[in-house]
Protein backbone atom coordinates (compact mmCIF):
# COMPACT_ATOMS: atom_id res chain seq x y z
CA UNK A 1 -23.14 16.60 -58.61
CA UNK A 2 -23.57 12.82 -58.34
CA UNK A 3 -19.91 12.39 -59.20
CA UNK A 4 -18.90 14.80 -56.42
CA UNK A 5 -21.06 12.93 -53.86
CA UNK A 6 -19.58 9.61 -54.94
CA UNK A 7 -16.03 10.96 -54.60
CA UNK A 8 -16.83 12.45 -51.18
CA UNK A 9 -18.33 9.19 -49.95
CA UNK A 10 -15.37 7.26 -51.31
CA UNK A 11 -13.03 9.62 -49.45
CA UNK A 12 -14.96 9.18 -46.16
CA UNK A 13 -15.00 5.40 -46.58
CA UNK A 14 -11.27 5.46 -47.30
CA UNK A 15 -10.54 7.52 -44.19
CA UNK A 16 -12.69 5.23 -42.04
CA UNK A 17 -10.98 2.18 -43.52
CA UNK A 18 -7.58 3.74 -42.81
CA UNK A 19 -8.56 4.47 -39.19
CA UNK A 20 -9.84 0.91 -38.68
CA UNK A 21 -6.70 -0.66 -40.17
CA UNK A 22 -4.41 1.66 -38.19
CA UNK A 23 -6.32 0.94 -34.98
CA UNK A 24 -6.18 -2.79 -35.58
CA UNK A 25 -2.45 -2.68 -36.25
CA UNK A 26 -1.93 -0.57 -33.15
CA UNK A 27 -3.93 -3.00 -31.03
CA UNK A 28 -1.97 -5.91 -32.47
CA UNK A 29 1.27 -4.10 -31.67
CA UNK A 30 0.16 -3.49 -28.09
CA UNK A 31 -0.89 -7.10 -27.64
CA UNK A 32 2.42 -8.22 -29.13
CA UNK A 33 4.38 -5.94 -26.81
CA UNK A 34 2.47 -7.15 -23.76
CA UNK A 35 2.91 -10.79 -24.81
CA UNK A 36 6.61 -10.20 -25.43
CA UNK A 37 7.04 -8.61 -22.00
CA UNK A 38 5.41 -11.69 -20.43
CA UNK A 39 7.44 -14.29 -22.31
CA UNK A 40 9.55 -16.67 -20.24
CA UNK A 41 13.17 -15.53 -20.17
CA UNK A 42 16.28 -17.67 -20.02
CA UNK A 43 19.24 -16.13 -18.20
CA UNK A 44 22.63 -16.36 -19.92
CA UNK A 45 25.49 -17.81 -17.94
CA UNK A 46 27.78 -15.38 -16.10
CA UNK A 47 25.09 -12.69 -15.87
CA UNK A 48 24.61 -9.71 -13.59
CA UNK A 49 21.31 -8.47 -12.14
CA UNK A 50 21.15 -4.68 -12.52
CA UNK A 51 19.20 -2.70 -9.91
CA UNK A 52 18.52 0.81 -11.15
CA UNK A 53 17.66 2.83 -8.03
CA UNK A 54 16.12 5.90 -9.65
CA UNK A 55 12.71 7.49 -9.46
CA UNK A 56 10.04 6.46 -6.98
CA UNK A 57 9.65 2.90 -5.76
CA UNK A 58 6.04 1.97 -5.00
CA UNK A 59 4.83 -1.34 -3.63
CA UNK A 60 4.22 -2.75 -7.11
CA UNK A 61 5.48 -2.03 -10.62
CA UNK A 62 3.24 0.28 -12.61
CA UNK A 63 3.53 -0.46 -16.32
CA UNK A 64 3.09 2.56 -18.56
CA UNK A 65 1.89 1.64 -22.04
CA UNK A 66 2.79 5.04 -23.47
CA UNK A 67 6.36 4.53 -22.29
CA UNK A 68 6.40 1.07 -23.84
CA UNK A 69 5.19 2.47 -27.14
CA UNK A 70 8.07 4.93 -26.98
CA UNK A 71 10.50 2.07 -26.54
CA UNK A 72 11.04 2.54 -22.79
CA UNK A 73 10.74 -0.81 -21.04
CA UNK A 74 12.45 0.31 -17.83
CA UNK A 75 9.46 1.59 -15.84
CA UNK A 76 10.28 2.09 -12.17
CA UNK A 77 10.16 -1.40 -10.67
CA UNK A 78 8.05 -1.85 -7.56
CA UNK A 79 9.29 -3.27 -4.27
CA UNK A 80 7.42 -6.52 -4.91
CA UNK A 81 9.18 -7.16 -8.25
CA UNK A 82 12.57 -6.04 -6.94
CA UNK A 83 12.46 -8.35 -3.92
CA UNK A 84 11.36 -11.26 -6.13
CA UNK A 85 14.17 -10.52 -8.59
CA UNK A 86 16.80 -10.54 -5.84
CA UNK A 87 15.39 -13.76 -4.39
CA UNK A 88 15.45 -15.49 -7.79
CA UNK A 89 18.96 -14.19 -8.49
CA UNK A 90 20.16 -15.60 -5.17
CA UNK A 91 19.36 -19.16 -6.28
CA UNK A 92 19.97 -18.81 -10.03
CA UNK A 93 23.34 -20.36 -10.88
CA UNK A 94 23.68 -18.21 -14.01
CA UNK A 95 23.63 -14.94 -12.05
CA UNK A 96 26.94 -14.20 -10.36
CA UNK A 97 26.25 -10.85 -8.74
CA UNK A 98 24.23 -7.65 -8.51
CA UNK A 99 25.20 -4.25 -9.85
CA UNK A 100 23.45 -1.31 -8.16
CA UNK A 101 23.30 1.90 -10.17
CA UNK A 102 22.07 4.57 -7.76
CA UNK A 103 20.44 7.84 -8.77
CA UNK A 104 17.73 10.18 -7.54
CA UNK A 105 15.59 7.71 -5.65
CA UNK A 106 12.55 8.05 -3.42
CA UNK A 107 10.94 5.47 -1.16
CA UNK A 108 9.83 5.07 2.44
CA UNK A 109 12.28 3.87 5.07
CA UNK A 110 10.56 0.52 5.67
CA UNK A 111 10.75 -0.36 1.96
CA UNK A 112 14.43 0.60 1.87
CA UNK A 113 15.02 -1.49 4.98
CA UNK A 114 13.31 -4.50 3.40
CA UNK A 115 15.25 -4.06 0.16
CA UNK A 116 18.51 -3.75 2.08
CA UNK A 117 17.83 -6.94 4.03
CA UNK A 118 17.19 -8.79 0.76
CA UNK A 119 20.59 -7.63 -0.51
CA UNK A 120 22.30 -8.80 2.68
CA UNK A 121 20.61 -12.21 2.31
CA UNK A 122 21.82 -12.30 -1.31
CA UNK A 123 25.41 -11.78 -0.16
CA UNK A 124 25.09 -14.70 2.27
CA UNK A 125 24.82 -16.98 -0.77
CA UNK A 126 28.45 -16.15 -1.55
CA UNK A 127 27.63 -13.89 -4.50
CA UNK A 128 28.85 -10.31 -4.75
CA UNK A 129 27.24 -6.87 -4.98
CA UNK A 130 28.84 -3.76 -6.50
CA UNK A 131 27.25 -0.30 -6.10
CA UNK A 132 28.00 2.85 -8.06
CA UNK A 133 26.61 6.37 -8.25
CA UNK A 134 27.46 9.82 -9.53
CA UNK A 135 25.79 11.05 -6.35
CA UNK A 136 24.32 8.99 -3.53
CA UNK A 137 21.22 10.31 -1.83
CA UNK A 138 20.93 9.40 1.82
CA UNK A 139 18.44 6.66 0.98
CA UNK A 140 20.43 5.13 -1.86
CA UNK A 141 23.59 5.14 0.24
CA UNK A 142 21.74 3.32 3.02
CA UNK A 143 20.76 0.62 0.52
CA UNK A 144 24.09 0.56 -1.34
CA UNK A 145 26.11 0.24 1.87
CA UNK A 146 25.04 -3.42 1.91
CA UNK A 147 27.25 -4.03 -1.15
CA UNK A 148 30.70 -5.64 -1.09
CA UNK A 149 32.10 -2.62 -2.88
CA UNK A 150 30.73 0.93 -2.99
CA UNK A 151 32.14 3.19 -5.70
CA UNK A 152 31.60 6.89 -6.36
CA UNK A 153 32.29 9.15 -9.32
CA UNK A 154 35.51 11.14 -8.68
CA UNK A 155 33.44 14.34 -8.75
CA UNK A 156 30.41 12.88 -7.01
CA UNK A 157 28.86 13.33 -3.58
CA UNK A 158 27.47 11.24 -0.74
CA UNK A 159 24.57 13.11 0.81
CA UNK A 160 24.62 12.48 4.56
CA UNK A 161 22.85 14.98 6.78
CA UNK A 162 20.40 13.19 9.09
CA UNK A 163 16.59 13.20 8.99
CA UNK A 164 14.28 16.15 9.49
CA UNK A 165 10.56 16.77 9.31
CA UNK A 166 9.41 20.15 8.02
CA UNK A 167 5.61 20.42 8.21
CA UNK A 168 3.80 23.00 6.09
CA UNK A 169 1.10 25.25 7.58
CA UNK A 170 -1.46 26.92 5.35
CA UNK A 171 -3.78 28.69 7.82
CA UNK A 172 -2.59 32.18 6.86
CA UNK A 173 -2.64 31.33 3.16
CA UNK A 174 -6.26 30.22 3.44
CA UNK A 175 -7.14 33.37 5.37
CA UNK A 176 -5.97 35.50 2.44
CA UNK A 177 -8.71 33.86 0.38
CA UNK A 178 -11.32 34.13 3.12
CA UNK A 179 -11.26 30.41 3.97
CA UNK A 180 -11.06 28.94 7.45
CA UNK A 181 -11.05 25.25 8.38
CA UNK A 182 -13.50 24.12 11.05
CA UNK A 183 -11.83 21.21 12.80
CA UNK A 184 -12.99 18.64 15.34
CA UNK A 185 -10.48 15.98 16.34
CA UNK A 186 -9.99 13.28 18.94
CA UNK A 187 -6.49 12.67 20.33
CA UNK A 188 -3.88 15.14 21.47
CA UNK A 189 -1.32 13.57 19.09
CA UNK A 190 -3.69 13.71 16.09
CA UNK A 191 -1.74 16.34 14.20
CA UNK A 192 -3.06 16.09 10.63
CA UNK A 193 -5.30 19.12 11.17
CA UNK A 194 -2.53 21.38 12.42
CA UNK A 195 -1.59 22.45 8.89
CA UNK A 196 -5.02 24.11 8.62
CA UNK A 197 -5.35 25.63 12.10
CA UNK A 198 -1.85 26.44 13.39
CA UNK A 199 1.36 28.09 12.28
CA UNK A 200 3.69 25.76 14.19
CA UNK A 201 3.78 22.21 15.62
CA UNK A 202 2.01 21.43 18.88
CA UNK A 203 4.24 20.16 21.66
CA UNK A 204 2.57 16.74 21.51
CA UNK A 205 3.24 16.48 17.79
CA UNK A 206 6.80 17.72 18.16
CA UNK A 207 7.36 15.03 20.80
CA UNK A 208 6.12 12.16 18.62
CA UNK A 209 7.83 13.36 15.43
CA UNK A 210 11.14 13.76 17.25
CA UNK A 211 10.76 10.23 18.62
CA UNK A 212 10.10 8.55 15.30
CA UNK A 213 12.68 10.45 13.23
CA UNK A 214 15.25 9.59 15.92
CA UNK A 215 14.24 5.95 15.54
CA UNK A 216 14.42 6.10 11.74
CA UNK A 217 17.89 7.65 11.85
CA UNK A 218 19.05 5.12 14.43
CA UNK A 219 18.08 2.27 12.09
CA UNK A 220 19.81 3.90 9.12
CA UNK A 221 23.01 4.56 11.07
CA UNK A 222 23.03 1.09 12.62
CA UNK A 223 22.69 -0.57 9.22
CA UNK A 224 25.47 1.50 7.64
CA UNK A 225 27.70 1.06 10.70
CA UNK A 226 27.47 -2.73 10.55
CA UNK A 227 28.13 -2.93 6.81
CA UNK A 228 30.86 -0.29 6.53
CA UNK A 229 32.49 -0.86 9.93
CA UNK A 230 32.05 2.73 11.02
CA UNK A 231 30.78 3.65 14.47
CA UNK A 232 27.33 5.25 14.81
CA UNK A 233 28.94 8.12 16.69
CA UNK A 234 31.28 8.77 13.76
CA UNK A 235 28.40 8.66 11.29
CA UNK A 236 26.60 11.29 13.34
CA UNK A 237 29.73 13.43 13.33
CA UNK A 238 29.85 13.18 9.54
CA UNK A 239 26.18 14.20 9.32
CA UNK A 240 26.71 17.19 11.64
CA UNK A 241 29.62 18.41 9.50
CA UNK A 242 27.66 18.02 6.22
CA UNK A 243 29.89 15.35 4.72
CA UNK A 244 28.02 15.99 1.46
CA UNK A 245 30.50 18.73 0.57
CA UNK A 246 33.69 16.99 1.69
CA UNK A 247 36.60 16.25 -0.61
CA UNK A 248 35.84 12.98 -2.37
CA UNK A 249 39.20 11.46 -1.43
CA UNK A 250 38.36 11.81 2.27
CA UNK A 251 35.39 9.50 1.75
CA UNK A 252 37.77 6.62 1.05
CA UNK A 253 39.75 7.35 4.21
CA UNK A 254 36.51 7.40 6.21
CA UNK A 255 35.43 4.05 4.71
CA UNK A 256 32.28 5.63 3.24
CA UNK A 257 33.26 4.42 -0.25
CA UNK A 258 35.81 1.94 -1.55
CA UNK A 259 36.99 3.89 -4.55
CA UNK A 260 36.52 6.81 -6.93
CA UNK A 261 35.82 5.58 -10.44
CA UNK A 262 34.19 6.73 -13.64
CA UNK A 263 31.42 4.63 -15.17
CA UNK A 264 33.66 2.81 -17.64
CA UNK A 265 36.12 2.00 -14.85
CA UNK A 266 33.36 0.46 -12.72
CA UNK A 267 32.44 -1.76 -15.66
CA UNK A 268 36.05 -2.90 -15.65
CA UNK A 269 35.76 -3.91 -11.98
CA UNK A 270 32.60 -5.88 -12.71
CA UNK A 271 34.32 -7.64 -15.63
CA UNK A 272 37.13 -8.68 -13.29
CA UNK A 273 34.60 -10.26 -10.94
CA UNK A 274 33.03 -12.06 -13.91
CA UNK A 275 36.50 -13.03 -15.20
CA UNK A 276 35.83 -11.38 -18.55
CA UNK A 277 38.35 -9.82 -20.89
CA UNK A 278 38.22 -6.05 -21.31
CA UNK A 279 36.59 -6.30 -24.75
CA UNK A 280 33.92 -8.82 -23.73
CA UNK A 281 30.36 -7.57 -23.05
CA UNK A 282 28.63 -7.97 -19.68
CA UNK A 283 25.46 -10.05 -19.80
CA UNK A 284 22.84 -8.06 -17.89
CA UNK A 285 19.33 -8.84 -16.67
CA UNK A 286 16.92 -6.29 -15.25
CA UNK A 287 14.28 -6.54 -12.55
CA UNK A 288 11.66 -6.61 -15.35
CA UNK A 289 13.49 -9.51 -17.01
CA UNK A 290 13.56 -11.47 -13.77
CA UNK A 291 9.77 -11.30 -13.53
CA UNK A 292 9.70 -13.79 -16.41
CA UNK A 293 12.39 -16.09 -15.04
CA UNK A 294 10.92 -19.26 -13.55
CA UNK A 295 11.78 -20.01 -9.95
CA UNK A 296 10.04 -23.36 -9.72
CA UNK A 297 7.86 -22.37 -6.78
CA UNK A 298 4.49 -23.60 -8.06
CA UNK A 299 4.00 -26.65 -5.84
CA UNK A 300 1.90 -26.86 -2.72
CA UNK A 301 -0.90 -24.61 -1.53
CA UNK A 302 -1.49 -20.98 -2.47
CA UNK A 303 -0.87 -18.11 -0.07
CA UNK A 304 -2.46 -14.97 -1.50
CA UNK A 305 -0.60 -11.68 -1.12
CA UNK A 306 -3.02 -8.79 -1.50
CA UNK A 307 -1.52 -5.31 -2.03
CA UNK A 308 -3.37 -2.32 -0.55
CA UNK A 309 -1.47 0.97 -0.63
CA UNK A 310 -2.23 4.66 -0.89
CA UNK A 311 -4.98 6.86 0.55
CA UNK A 312 -8.12 5.07 1.72
CA UNK A 313 -11.25 6.20 -0.12
CA UNK A 314 -14.77 4.86 -0.32
CA UNK A 315 -15.45 4.73 -4.06
CA UNK A 316 -13.49 4.91 -7.35
CA UNK A 317 -14.93 8.40 -7.93
CA UNK A 318 -12.80 9.79 -5.08
CA UNK A 319 -9.68 8.36 -6.73
CA UNK A 320 -10.37 9.89 -10.14
CA UNK A 321 -8.05 12.63 -11.27
CA UNK A 322 -5.18 12.10 -8.88
CA UNK A 323 -6.75 13.24 -5.60
CA UNK A 324 -4.11 14.54 -3.18
CA UNK A 325 -1.54 14.19 -5.96
CA UNK A 326 -1.38 10.41 -5.55
CA UNK A 327 -1.78 7.72 -8.19
CA UNK A 328 -2.61 4.80 -5.86
CA UNK A 329 -5.64 4.35 -3.67
CA UNK A 330 -7.23 1.79 -1.41
CA UNK A 331 -10.78 1.92 -2.74
CA UNK A 332 -13.04 0.29 -0.15
CA UNK A 333 -15.70 -0.92 -2.58
CA UNK A 334 -13.08 -2.67 -4.72
CA UNK A 335 -11.01 -4.05 -1.84
CA UNK A 336 -14.10 -5.52 -0.18
CA UNK A 337 -15.09 -7.31 -3.40
CA UNK A 338 -11.55 -8.66 -3.82
CA UNK A 339 -11.32 -9.93 -0.23
CA UNK A 340 -14.75 -11.56 -0.53
CA UNK A 341 -13.53 -13.33 -3.67
CA UNK A 342 -10.40 -14.55 -1.86
CA UNK A 343 -12.57 -15.82 0.98
CA UNK A 344 -14.57 -17.94 -1.49
CA UNK A 345 -11.47 -19.21 -3.32
CA UNK A 346 -10.81 -22.70 -1.94
CA UNK A 347 -7.36 -22.80 -3.55
CA UNK A 348 -6.23 -19.92 -1.30
CA UNK A 349 -5.32 -21.25 2.15
CA UNK A 350 -4.32 -17.95 3.77
CA UNK A 351 -4.16 -14.27 2.87
CA UNK A 352 -1.36 -11.79 3.51
CA UNK A 353 -2.53 -8.19 3.15
CA UNK A 354 0.35 -5.86 2.37
CA UNK A 355 -0.66 -2.42 3.68
CA UNK A 356 1.20 0.82 3.05
CA UNK A 357 -1.12 3.68 3.93
CA UNK A 358 -1.36 6.71 6.16
CA UNK A 359 -5.13 6.29 6.25
CA UNK A 360 -8.00 8.27 4.80
CA UNK A 361 -11.76 7.91 5.06
CA UNK A 362 -12.85 6.58 8.46
CA UNK A 363 -16.02 5.16 6.88
CA UNK A 364 -14.05 3.31 4.17
CA UNK A 365 -11.64 1.93 6.80
CA UNK A 366 -14.56 0.48 8.75
CA UNK A 367 -15.91 -1.24 5.62
CA UNK A 368 -12.55 -2.91 4.97
CA UNK A 369 -12.28 -3.87 8.66
CA UNK A 370 -15.62 -5.66 8.37
CA UNK A 371 -14.55 -7.51 5.21
CA UNK A 372 -11.37 -8.71 6.91
CA UNK A 373 -13.57 -9.97 9.77
CA UNK A 374 -15.54 -12.01 7.23
CA UNK A 375 -12.33 -13.27 5.59
CA UNK A 376 -10.92 -14.39 8.94
CA UNK A 377 -13.88 -16.71 9.45
CA UNK A 378 -12.71 -18.79 6.48
CA UNK A 379 -8.91 -18.59 6.52
CA UNK A 380 -5.99 -16.95 8.37
CA UNK A 381 -5.23 -13.30 7.62
CA UNK A 382 -1.78 -11.80 8.21
CA UNK A 383 -0.96 -8.14 7.70
CA UNK A 384 2.46 -7.11 6.38
CA UNK A 385 3.02 -3.41 7.06
CA UNK A 386 5.08 -1.38 4.63
CA UNK A 387 6.38 2.13 5.17
CA UNK A 388 3.19 3.17 6.90
CA UNK A 389 0.09 1.48 8.29
CA UNK A 390 -1.24 4.25 10.48
CA UNK A 391 -4.64 5.64 11.43
CA UNK A 392 -7.01 4.22 8.79
CA UNK A 393 -4.15 1.94 7.72
CA UNK A 394 -3.99 0.60 11.27
CA UNK A 395 -7.80 0.41 11.40
CA UNK A 396 -7.56 -2.03 8.49
CA UNK A 397 -4.72 -3.95 10.11
CA UNK A 398 -5.88 -4.40 13.69
CA UNK A 399 -8.32 -7.20 12.91
CA UNK A 400 -5.78 -9.58 11.35
CA UNK A 401 -4.73 -12.83 13.04
CA UNK A 402 -1.12 -11.62 13.02
CA UNK A 403 0.63 -8.34 12.22
CA UNK A 404 4.21 -8.04 10.91
CA UNK A 405 5.89 -4.62 10.66
CA UNK A 406 9.35 -3.36 9.84
CA UNK A 407 11.23 -1.60 12.67
CA UNK A 408 10.89 1.61 10.63
CA UNK A 409 7.18 1.23 9.80
CA UNK A 410 5.08 4.18 10.97
CA UNK A 411 1.96 2.80 12.62
CA UNK A 412 -0.64 3.45 15.31
CA UNK A 413 -2.19 6.93 15.11
CA UNK A 414 -5.48 5.66 16.53
CA UNK A 415 -7.70 8.72 16.21
CA UNK A 416 -10.24 10.51 14.01
CA UNK A 417 -10.82 14.09 12.92
CA UNK A 418 -13.21 16.13 10.84
CA UNK A 419 -12.29 19.05 8.58
CA UNK A 420 -15.03 21.21 7.11
CA UNK A 421 -13.99 24.29 5.09
CA UNK A 422 -15.72 27.55 6.01
CA UNK A 423 -15.81 29.61 2.80
CA UNK A 424 -18.32 32.18 4.04
CA UNK A 425 -15.79 35.04 4.16
CA UNK A 426 -14.62 34.25 0.65
CA UNK A 427 -18.17 34.29 -0.66
CA UNK A 428 -19.73 37.12 1.34
CA UNK A 429 -16.83 39.52 1.93
CA UNK A 430 -14.34 38.98 -0.88
CA UNK A 431 -16.79 38.07 -3.66
CA UNK A 432 -19.74 40.09 -2.39
CA UNK A 433 -22.30 37.29 -2.57
CA UNK A 434 -25.35 37.69 -0.31
CA UNK A 435 -27.50 34.89 1.17
CA UNK A 436 -30.95 34.71 2.68
CA UNK A 437 -32.80 31.68 4.03
CA UNK A 438 -36.20 30.12 4.64
CA UNK A 439 -36.31 26.86 6.60
CA UNK A 440 -38.66 24.41 8.32
CA UNK A 441 -36.36 23.25 11.12
CA UNK A 442 -33.61 24.79 13.21
CA UNK A 443 -30.76 22.83 11.54
CA UNK A 444 -32.13 22.68 7.99
CA UNK A 445 -29.20 24.75 6.72
CA UNK A 446 -26.49 22.53 8.24
CA UNK A 447 -23.51 22.49 5.87
CA UNK A 448 -24.35 25.79 4.22
CA UNK A 449 -21.54 27.85 2.68
CA UNK A 450 -23.12 31.13 3.79
CA UNK A 451 -21.82 31.00 7.37
CA UNK A 452 -19.56 28.97 9.68
CA UNK A 453 -21.07 26.21 11.78
CA UNK A 454 -22.67 27.36 15.00
CA UNK A 455 -22.08 25.88 18.46
CA UNK A 456 -25.01 23.48 18.23
CA UNK A 457 -23.91 22.12 14.87
CA UNK A 458 -20.32 21.71 16.08
CA UNK A 459 -21.62 19.81 19.10
CA UNK A 460 -23.58 17.38 16.93
CA UNK A 461 -20.57 16.84 14.67
CA UNK A 462 -18.28 16.43 17.69
CA UNK A 463 -20.52 13.74 19.14
CA UNK A 464 -20.48 11.92 15.79
CA UNK A 465 -16.67 12.01 15.60
CA UNK A 466 -16.36 10.85 19.21
CA UNK A 467 -18.56 7.85 18.41
CA UNK A 468 -16.28 7.09 15.48
CA UNK A 469 -13.24 7.27 17.74
CA UNK A 470 -14.88 4.99 20.30
CA UNK A 471 -15.64 2.47 17.54
CA UNK A 472 -12.05 2.65 16.22
CA UNK A 473 -10.72 2.12 19.73
CA UNK A 474 -13.06 -0.84 20.30
CA UNK A 475 -12.02 -2.41 16.99
CA UNK A 476 -8.39 -2.24 18.09
CA UNK A 477 -9.20 -3.64 21.53
CA UNK A 478 -11.10 -6.60 20.03
CA UNK A 479 -8.53 -7.30 17.33
CA UNK A 480 -5.48 -7.02 19.58
CA UNK A 481 -7.10 -8.69 22.62
CA UNK A 482 -6.59 -5.63 24.80
CA UNK A 483 -8.89 -3.71 27.07
CA UNK A 484 -10.28 -0.36 25.90
CA UNK A 485 -8.24 1.29 28.66
CA UNK A 486 -5.05 -0.33 27.33
CA UNK A 487 -5.82 0.93 23.83
CA UNK A 488 -6.61 4.42 25.08
CA UNK A 489 -3.20 4.56 26.74
CA UNK A 490 -1.51 4.19 23.33
CA UNK A 491 -4.18 5.91 21.21
CA UNK A 492 -4.89 9.66 21.11
CA UNK A 493 -3.53 9.70 17.55
CA UNK A 494 0.00 8.76 18.67
CA UNK A 495 2.30 7.59 15.85
CA UNK A 496 4.87 4.89 16.67
CA UNK A 497 7.65 3.09 14.86
CA UNK A 498 7.19 -0.63 14.39
CA UNK A 499 10.04 -1.33 16.82
CA UNK A 500 8.11 0.54 19.52
CA UNK A 501 4.65 -0.68 18.51
CA UNK A 502 5.63 -4.31 19.16
CA UNK A 503 6.32 -3.43 22.79
CA UNK A 504 2.84 -1.91 23.02
CA UNK A 505 1.19 -5.04 21.51
CA UNK A 506 0.05 -3.11 18.44
CA UNK A 507 2.05 -5.50 16.22
CA UNK A 508 3.21 -9.09 16.73
CA UNK A 509 6.47 -9.45 14.83
CA UNK A 510 9.22 -7.39 13.21
CA UNK A 511 10.10 -8.28 9.63
CA UNK A 512 9.10 -8.04 6.02
CA UNK A 513 6.72 -9.71 3.65
CA UNK A 514 8.60 -13.04 3.69
CA UNK A 515 8.08 -13.34 7.43
CA UNK A 516 4.40 -12.49 6.97
CA UNK A 517 3.98 -15.20 4.33
CA UNK A 518 5.76 -17.75 6.52
CA UNK A 519 3.47 -16.89 9.43
CA UNK A 520 0.39 -17.18 7.21
CA UNK A 521 1.49 -20.65 6.08
CA UNK A 522 2.05 -21.68 9.69
CA UNK A 523 -1.41 -20.45 10.73
CA UNK A 524 -2.95 -22.28 7.77
CA UNK A 525 -0.95 -25.41 8.70
CA UNK A 526 0.56 -25.86 5.24
CA UNK A 527 4.14 -27.02 4.71
CA UNK A 528 4.57 -26.55 0.98
CA UNK A 529 3.23 -23.36 -0.54
CA UNK A 530 3.67 -20.71 -3.18
CA UNK A 531 2.50 -17.11 -3.30
CA UNK A 532 0.28 -15.35 -5.83
CA UNK A 533 -0.18 -11.59 -5.89
CA UNK A 534 -3.50 -9.75 -5.97
CA UNK A 535 -5.20 -7.70 -7.36
CA UNK A 536 -4.35 -9.14 -10.75
CA UNK A 537 -2.66 -7.19 -13.50
CA UNK A 538 -5.06 -4.78 -15.26
CA UNK A 539 -6.31 -5.72 -18.71
CA UNK A 540 -5.11 -3.97 -21.86
CA UNK A 541 -8.00 -1.49 -21.92
CA UNK A 542 -7.68 -0.73 -18.19
CA UNK A 543 -3.96 -0.09 -18.66
CA UNK A 544 -4.61 2.31 -21.53
CA UNK A 545 -7.28 4.21 -19.58
CA UNK A 546 -5.13 4.27 -16.45
CA UNK A 547 -2.24 5.73 -18.41
CA UNK A 548 -4.47 8.41 -19.93
CA UNK A 549 -6.00 9.37 -16.56
CA UNK A 550 -2.76 9.42 -14.61
CA UNK A 551 -2.34 13.17 -14.37
CA UNK A 552 -2.35 15.85 -17.04
CA UNK A 553 0.09 18.26 -18.60
CA UNK A 554 -0.88 21.22 -16.41
CA UNK A 555 -0.53 19.17 -13.23
CA UNK A 556 2.89 17.97 -14.30
CA UNK A 557 4.04 21.51 -15.08
CA UNK A 558 2.72 22.78 -11.73
CA UNK A 559 4.48 19.97 -9.92
CA UNK A 560 7.75 20.75 -11.69
CA UNK A 561 7.41 24.47 -10.91
CA UNK A 562 6.26 24.31 -7.27
CA UNK A 563 8.18 21.22 -6.15
CA UNK A 564 7.39 20.31 -2.53
CA UNK A 565 4.75 23.07 -2.39
CA UNK A 566 2.66 21.52 -5.14
CA UNK A 567 1.00 18.88 -2.94
CA UNK A 568 -0.51 21.33 -0.40
CA UNK A 569 -2.01 23.38 -3.25
CA UNK A 570 -3.43 20.26 -4.87
CA UNK A 571 -4.90 19.22 -1.51
CA UNK A 572 -6.75 22.53 -1.19
CA UNK A 573 -8.18 22.02 -4.67
CA UNK A 574 -9.32 18.51 -3.79
CA UNK A 575 -10.84 19.00 -0.32
CA UNK A 576 -14.41 18.78 -1.60
CA UNK A 577 -13.72 15.29 -2.99
CA UNK A 578 -12.62 13.63 0.25
CA UNK A 579 -14.74 12.47 3.18
CA UNK A 580 -15.02 15.12 5.88
CA UNK A 581 -14.35 12.51 8.60
CA UNK A 582 -10.81 11.17 8.29
CA UNK A 583 -8.67 8.60 10.07
CA UNK A 584 -5.23 9.51 8.81
CA UNK A 585 -1.79 10.85 9.67
CA UNK A 586 -0.76 14.31 8.37
CA UNK A 587 -1.41 14.71 4.65
CA UNK A 588 2.29 15.45 4.08
CA UNK A 589 4.92 14.00 6.44
CA UNK A 590 7.60 15.99 4.60
CA UNK A 591 10.56 13.93 5.84
CA UNK A 592 13.93 15.03 4.44
C-alpha cells in the first residue's frame, strides 16, 4: 500500500513538474515572440512597402497572441500604424514604392479618405504605387485609384454601384415574443429608436440619410475622378449600369484599370520598376515591419495622441463579452483616469484625442466631457474625428480647444433618447407568469417587468431625458462659443458630414490626424515635437485575457450564419447591459 501511495505521489509531482516546465517554456516563447516583434528593423535597399487591404481596419492594430502562436504575424493593421508606415516609407531612401494588394476590406469612409490622402502625399515624393486585386470592392477601389497603376485579374471585378443605407426594423419581430420598446427621445432627427418602434424610416431621417450618403458618394467620385481622369458624371453612369458585371476589357477602355494581369505578371511589373531581373526576389516590408523602423522623430516636446473609439460605456463591465457585437469601447472610468494622467504629465505639452464613435451612454459622455474640461485647464486639447464622432462622440468632442474632422466624418446628432423594454406581454401572456404587488408609495414599482410604464412614470422619465438634452445642448454652446438658440437650430439629433458641420461651426477644420497634431503644437506654442500614442500597449497578461475574451465559438458561428442580421439579434440579447439613456446614432448604420 505504501508503495502504491509513493508511486501515486511521484506521478502527481511529475505531472505538476511537467505543467510548470511547459508553462514556463510557453511564457518564455511568448515573451520572445513579443520581444522579436518589437525589435528594431533595418530596411533592405530597393524594398517595397506592401499594404494588404483585407479584413477590417480599426483605428489601431489589435495584436492577437493566438494568431502569433499559430505563426500568423499579419494581423489586420490599424489606421494609425498604416499611416505611420506610409509616412516613414515616404522619407526612407531604401523604399522605392508601395504595392497595394486589395481584398475584402471594411472601414469607414473617413478612414479610407485619410489613407488615400496619405498615398497621394507619398506619390508627391516621386515614388510609385502599384495596386492589384482579384476583385476590388468599392472601398478598396477608392483607395487604390490613388496609385500610379491599377491592375485587375483578367477574370476579376470592380464593384461600383453607389452608396445605400438599408436600416433594419425589429418592431414586429419583438412583438412576436411579446416585447415592446418604450421610447422617449428628444430631436426629430434622432432616429436610433426607429428600429424598435417603426417599420420604415421617418421623413426627417430619410432626409438626413439621403444628404449624408450623397455627400459620401460625392467625395468618393471626386477622388476617383481626379486620380483616374474620369468625369463624375461618367462614374455615376457606370454605377447606374452596374459596372461590376461588365466585360473586364471594357474597364481598360473606360480608364478604370490600367491592365488585366495575373498575380505573377503583376510581380513582373513591380520588378521592372525596381530594375530587377526576372529571377531576382522582391524585398518586401509590411506595415508591421515599419512599426519597428526608426524615423528619427524623437526630438522636441511630446504631443500625446489618445485613441478613443467604439461605443461609449460607463464601466468595464458593460464592455465585457462583446456588447453590441463590438470589440472596442470607450470606457468612461478608464478614459477619465488616462486623461487625468496626461494632465499631470509635464512632458506632454498638448493632447490630441482621436475619436471614432457613434456615441453610447449619455452619463458616460458627460463624465468624459468633464475630464476634458479639467485637461484643458493645463494644456491644449484638439479633437481629431475619425469616421464618426456623433451624439455621445460629439458630446466628448465639443469641449476641445479645436476640432478637426474629415469631409466624410459623420458628426453632430445632438440629442438623447431612452429605451426601456416592456416584457410584460412575454411574461404574462406568452409564459403565463402572474404578478401581484404590495407597496408603500405610488411609484414604488417603477421599472417593474409586470406591466408597461404608466403615463405618470413616462412623464417623469421624459422630464429627466429633457434635462439631459438641455445639458448636452448647453455643453455644445459653451464649448463652441454659440448661443443655445444657435445650437438648437442644428441639434434635434441631426447628423451632418464634416464638410457641412464646418459651415455650422460644429468643427473648426477639415483634415486628418496630422492636421490635428500640427494644430495642437501651434496651440501649445512648440516648434519641435514628436507624437506618442495612448493608451499604451497592453501587457502580456492583458493581451492573453483580451484574446480569450474576444468572442466565443458560438458567437462566431452565429455571425457567419446570419451575416448582417447577426448584430440586431446580438443587440436584443444585450439590451439589459447598456444604459437606458443613450446619446448615440442608430445602432447599425448599415451603409452598403
